[in-house]
Amino acid sequence: RTGTLKHRMRVWLEEWAACRAAERVMVSNHADADFLIQKYGCPLRKISIIPNFVQTDLFSPKPAEVKRSGLVGYVGRLEQEKNLSALIDAASKVRGITVRIIGSGTLQEDLETQARDANVRVEFWGNVQNPLLPTLLRECEVFVFPSLFEGHPNALLEAMACGLPVVTTPVEGIRSVIQHGQNGYLCDNTTADAIRCGLEEVMSSAELRQKLGRGARRYVVENLSIEKVLAKELDVYQQLGFL
């Protein structure tokens, strides 16, 4: 315990010193900025928020591709904070859906058992190469992201860039991206019942899915393309006199 405490103190001091010495600290979202302010007393004037970019040419809609009816997609790690047990529980109460889970993690065996016991159709794809990912996403009618907490999640943003309607949880890092009813659906909370309600509402309306999908794509293109994010980063360097 003493060793652990010393290690934590050393890490805290190193990070505090880095924040104090840096001319500018770049983070990807407001939650990280608040963390630096609260934990290290980093002055707000030193912090620049530079979001993650999305390859909007690779992750893009392809109207000619046929979607699979009832297919719901997820991309990410299979770990506790991703709340996938609640997703499978929710899916067990929604008729006619199949969940496509792309990614790997320590909970895969447990999730496979849960899905089998609950009689939920789940495809476990494991990790896939980036060039294949957009095709697998575009086959889905809806993308679901049930996380308990997030930073600035690339998986969610890439699905949005593909024009998918997203159903997701109202946690820090996601609330700053999703405007409920405009570019995505924010569940009331992170429970299985809230996720089920979101899935049922979005799956039941083609008009709503189209609206959310268009809004999602537009948000990413206007805010998170490589060109947009690079311009923000270059602006920071210019402010610091490096360019």
Protein backbone atom coordinates (compact mmCIF):
# COMPACT_ATOMS: atom_id res chain seq x y z
CA ARG A 1 0.00 0.00 0.00
CA THR A 2 2.84 2.36 0.83
CA GLY A 3 4.45 1.66 -2.52
CA THR A 4 1.17 2.30 -4.30
CA LEU A 5 0.66 5.57 -2.43
CA LYS A 6 4.18 6.72 -3.28
CA HIS A 7 3.62 5.83 -6.93
CA ARG A 8 0.38 7.80 -7.04
CA MET A 9 1.98 10.79 -5.39
CA ARG A 10 4.89 10.69 -7.84
CA VAL A 11 2.52 10.49 -10.81
CA TRP A 12 0.42 13.35 -9.44
CA LEU A 13 3.49 15.53 -8.92
CA GLU A 14 4.83 14.78 -12.40
CA GLU A 15 1.50 15.59 -14.03
CA TRP A 16 1.04 18.71 -11.87
CA ALA A 17 4.53 19.88 -12.86
CA ALA A 18 3.82 19.18 -16.55
CA CYS A 19 0.62 21.24 -16.42
CA ARG A 20 2.42 24.09 -14.70
CA ALA A 21 5.39 24.08 -17.09
CA ALA A 22 3.43 23.70 -20.34
CA GLU A 23 2.53 26.74 -22.38
CA ARG A 24 -0.58 24.98 -23.58
CA VAL A 25 -2.31 21.68 -22.73
CA MET A 26 -4.44 20.05 -25.43
CA VAL A 27 -7.34 17.78 -24.50
CA SER A 28 -10.09 16.25 -26.61
CA ASN A 29 -13.15 17.26 -24.59
CA HIS A 30 -14.55 19.55 -21.89
CA ALA A 31 -14.60 16.76 -19.29
CA ASP A 32 -10.84 16.35 -19.55
CA ALA A 33 -10.41 20.10 -19.30
CA ASP A 34 -12.48 20.19 -16.11
CA PHE A 35 -10.42 17.29 -14.73
CA LEU A 36 -7.15 19.18 -15.27
CA ILE A 37 -8.55 22.28 -13.61
CA GLN A 38 -9.93 20.44 -10.60
CA LYS A 39 -7.11 17.93 -10.03
CA TYR A 40 -4.06 19.98 -10.92
CA GLY A 41 -5.26 23.56 -10.78
CA CYS A 42 -4.35 23.99 -14.44
CA PRO A 43 -5.37 27.52 -15.52
CA LEU A 44 -8.20 27.59 -18.05
CA ARG A 45 -6.18 29.93 -20.29
CA LYS A 46 -3.64 27.13 -20.81
CA ILE A 47 -6.16 24.57 -22.02
CA SER A 48 -7.16 24.07 -25.66
CA ILE A 49 -9.85 21.59 -26.62
CA ILE A 50 -8.90 19.79 -29.84
CA PRO A 51 -11.40 16.98 -30.56
CA ASN A 52 -10.58 13.66 -32.18
CA PHE A 53 -10.88 13.76 -35.96
CA VAL A 54 -12.80 11.32 -38.14
CA GLN A 55 -11.83 10.09 -41.61
CA THR A 56 -15.05 11.32 -43.16
CA ASP A 57 -14.13 9.98 -46.60
CA LEU A 58 -13.68 6.42 -45.28
CA PHE A 59 -16.52 6.56 -42.76
CA SER A 60 -19.29 7.82 -44.98
CA PRO A 61 -22.81 6.80 -46.06
CA LYS A 62 -23.27 4.56 -49.10
CA PRO A 63 -26.99 4.71 -49.99
CA ALA A 64 -26.70 1.79 -52.41
CA GLU A 65 -25.67 -0.62 -49.63
CA VAL A 66 -28.58 -2.64 -48.25
CA LYS A 67 -29.18 -2.57 -44.51
CA ARG A 68 -30.10 -5.69 -42.58
CA SER A 69 -33.48 -5.32 -40.94
CA GLY A 70 -33.20 -5.26 -37.16
CA LEU A 71 -29.40 -5.18 -37.08
CA VAL A 72 -27.97 -3.06 -34.26
CA GLY A 73 -24.23 -2.35 -34.17
CA TYR A 74 -21.66 -1.68 -31.45
CA VAL A 75 -17.91 -1.07 -31.75
CA GLY A 76 -15.53 -0.94 -28.80
CA ARG A 77 -13.89 -2.83 -26.01
CA LEU A 78 -15.76 -5.58 -24.19
CA GLU A 79 -15.16 -4.24 -20.68
CA GLN A 80 -17.26 -3.28 -17.69
CA GLU A 81 -17.37 0.45 -18.40
CA LYS A 82 -18.92 -0.18 -21.81
CA ASN A 83 -22.11 -1.51 -20.15
CA LEU A 84 -22.67 -4.28 -22.71
CA SER A 85 -24.48 -6.49 -20.21
CA ALA A 86 -27.20 -3.83 -20.05
CA LEU A 87 -27.29 -3.74 -23.85
CA ILE A 88 -27.87 -7.50 -24.09
CA ASP A 89 -30.51 -7.28 -21.36
CA ALA A 90 -32.22 -4.49 -23.31
CA ALA A 91 -31.99 -6.45 -26.58
CA SER A 92 -33.69 -9.43 -24.96
CA LYS A 93 -36.82 -7.31 -24.60
CA VAL A 94 -36.89 -5.89 -28.13
CA ARG A 95 -38.41 -8.14 -30.75
CA GLY A 96 -36.64 -8.94 -33.99
CA ILE A 97 -33.20 -7.44 -33.42
CA THR A 98 -29.71 -8.80 -33.82
CA VAL A 99 -26.76 -7.17 -32.06
CA ARG A 100 -23.45 -6.98 -33.93
CA ILE A 101 -20.58 -6.49 -31.48
CA ILE A 102 -17.23 -5.53 -32.99
CA GLY A 103 -14.25 -5.53 -30.67
CA SER A 104 -12.63 -7.67 -28.01
CA GLY A 105 -12.14 -7.71 -24.27
CA THR A 106 -12.13 -9.67 -21.06
CA LEU A 107 -15.92 -9.93 -20.86
CA GLN A 108 -16.54 -11.69 -24.17
CA GLU A 109 -17.12 -15.14 -22.67
CA ASP A 110 -19.50 -13.73 -20.05
CA LEU A 111 -21.41 -11.76 -22.69
CA GLU A 112 -21.67 -14.81 -24.95
CA THR A 113 -23.13 -16.80 -22.05
CA GLN A 114 -25.56 -14.01 -21.18
CA ALA A 115 -26.73 -13.71 -24.79
CA ARG A 116 -27.19 -17.47 -25.09
CA ASP A 117 -29.12 -17.72 -21.82
CA ALA A 118 -31.34 -14.75 -22.77
CA ASN A 119 -31.89 -16.09 -26.30
CA VAL A 120 -30.54 -12.90 -27.86
CA ARG A 121 -29.02 -13.03 -31.33
CA VAL A 122 -25.54 -11.54 -31.00
CA GLU A 123 -22.74 -11.60 -33.58
CA PHE A 124 -19.30 -11.37 -31.98
CA TRP A 125 -16.91 -10.18 -34.70
CA GLY A 126 -13.82 -9.54 -32.63
CA ASN A 127 -11.38 -6.92 -33.88
CA VAL A 128 -11.61 -6.00 -37.56
CA GLN A 129 -9.38 -3.96 -39.84
CA ASN A 130 -10.32 -0.31 -40.30
CA PRO A 131 -11.07 -0.59 -44.06
CA LEU A 132 -13.74 -3.25 -43.34
CA LEU A 133 -15.35 -1.41 -40.44
CA PRO A 134 -17.43 1.12 -42.43
CA THR A 135 -19.04 -1.69 -44.46
CA LEU A 136 -19.98 -3.58 -41.29
CA LEU A 137 -21.39 -0.39 -39.79
CA ARG A 138 -23.42 0.57 -42.85
CA GLU A 139 -25.21 -2.79 -42.78
CA CYS A 140 -26.73 -1.79 -39.42
CA GLU A 141 -30.01 0.05 -39.04
CA VAL A 142 -28.96 1.57 -35.72
CA PHE A 143 -25.73 2.02 -33.77
CA VAL A 144 -25.92 1.68 -29.99
CA PHE A 145 -23.31 2.93 -27.53
CA PRO A 146 -24.31 2.12 -23.92
CA SER A 147 -21.19 3.32 -22.06
CA LEU A 148 -21.09 4.24 -18.38
CA PHE A 149 -18.49 6.93 -19.07
CA GLU A 150 -16.55 8.22 -22.10
CA GLY A 151 -14.06 10.83 -23.24
CA HIS A 152 -14.48 11.67 -26.93
CA PRO A 153 -15.37 8.25 -28.38
CA ASN A 154 -14.06 7.57 -31.88
CA ALA A 155 -16.34 4.55 -32.33
CA LEU A 156 -19.45 6.66 -31.82
CA LEU A 157 -18.18 9.43 -34.08
CA GLU A 158 -17.27 7.00 -36.89
CA ALA A 159 -20.74 5.47 -36.79
CA MET A 160 -22.23 8.95 -36.96
CA ALA A 161 -19.99 9.76 -39.95
CA CYS A 162 -21.48 6.72 -41.70
CA GLY A 163 -24.89 8.33 -41.33
CA LEU A 164 -26.13 5.86 -38.71
CA PRO A 165 -28.76 6.89 -36.18
CA VAL A 166 -27.19 6.38 -32.76
CA VAL A 167 -28.79 5.39 -29.47
CA THR A 168 -26.47 6.22 -26.60
CA THR A 169 -26.25 7.04 -22.91
CA PRO A 170 -26.24 10.59 -21.46
CA VAL A 171 -22.78 10.46 -19.90
CA GLU A 172 -20.02 13.06 -19.89
CA GLY A 173 -18.16 13.02 -23.19
CA ILE A 174 -21.27 11.94 -25.08
CA ARG A 175 -23.62 14.72 -23.97
CA SER A 176 -21.21 17.23 -25.50
CA VAL A 177 -21.60 15.54 -28.89
CA ILE A 178 -25.22 14.39 -29.06
CA GLN A 179 -28.14 16.78 -29.30
CA HIS A 180 -31.11 14.61 -28.44
CA GLY A 181 -33.51 14.21 -31.34
CA GLN A 182 -31.22 16.08 -33.72
CA ASN A 183 -28.08 14.01 -34.32
CA GLY A 184 -28.78 11.08 -32.00
CA TYR A 185 -30.98 9.63 -29.29
CA LEU A 186 -29.89 10.12 -25.66
CA CYS A 187 -31.34 7.51 -23.32
CA ASP A 188 -32.70 8.72 -19.99
CA ASN A 189 -29.90 6.93 -18.12
CA THR A 190 -27.53 3.95 -18.44
CA THR A 191 -29.95 1.20 -17.37
CA ALA A 192 -31.14 -1.65 -19.56
CA ASP A 193 -34.70 -0.28 -19.49
CA ALA A 194 -33.58 3.13 -20.72
CA ILE A 195 -31.53 1.55 -23.52
CA ARG A 196 -34.49 -0.66 -24.46
CA CYS A 197 -36.78 2.38 -24.67
CA GLY A 198 -34.31 4.16 -26.93
CA LEU A 199 -33.92 1.16 -29.21
CA GLU A 200 -37.66 0.63 -29.48
CA GLU A 201 -38.36 4.26 -30.34
CA VAL A 202 -35.65 4.58 -32.97
CA MET A 203 -36.17 1.11 -34.47
CA SER A 204 -39.90 1.74 -34.84
CA SER A 205 -39.58 4.86 -37.02
CA ALA A 206 -37.78 4.95 -40.37
CA GLU A 207 -38.39 8.70 -40.51
CA LEU A 208 -36.66 9.23 -37.15
CA ARG A 209 -33.73 7.04 -38.19
CA GLN A 210 -33.26 9.05 -41.36
CA LYS A 211 -33.43 12.35 -39.48
CA LEU A 212 -30.93 11.27 -36.83
CA GLY A 213 -28.61 9.74 -39.43
CA ARG A 214 -28.52 12.93 -41.50
CA GLY A 215 -27.92 15.03 -38.42
CA ALA A 216 -25.15 12.72 -37.24
CA ARG A 217 -23.28 12.86 -40.54
CA ARG A 218 -23.66 16.62 -40.77
CA TYR A 219 -22.32 17.15 -37.24
CA VAL A 220 -19.17 15.11 -37.88
CA VAL A 221 -18.42 16.69 -41.26
CA GLU A 222 -18.93 20.22 -39.93
CA ASN A 223 -16.94 19.76 -36.74
CA LEU A 224 -14.66 16.72 -36.80
CA SER A 225 -13.24 16.22 -40.28
CA ILE A 226 -9.46 16.10 -40.53
CA GLU A 227 -9.44 19.56 -42.11
CA LYS A 228 -11.58 21.11 -39.33
CA VAL A 229 -9.57 19.58 -36.48
CA LEU A 230 -6.21 20.36 -38.12
CA ALA A 231 -7.25 24.00 -38.50
CA LYS A 232 -7.98 24.18 -34.75
CA GLU A 233 -4.61 22.65 -33.89
CA LEU A 234 -2.72 24.95 -36.24
CA ASP A 235 -4.49 27.91 -34.67
CA VAL A 236 -3.09 26.91 -31.27
CA TYR A 237 0.45 26.73 -32.69
CA GLN A 238 0.00 30.15 -34.26
CA GLN A 239 -1.20 31.62 -30.97
CA LEU A 240 1.96 30.24 -29.33
CA GLY A 241 4.18 31.73 -32.06
CA PHE A 242 5.37 28.38 -33.41
CA LEU A 243 4.13 29.12 -36.95
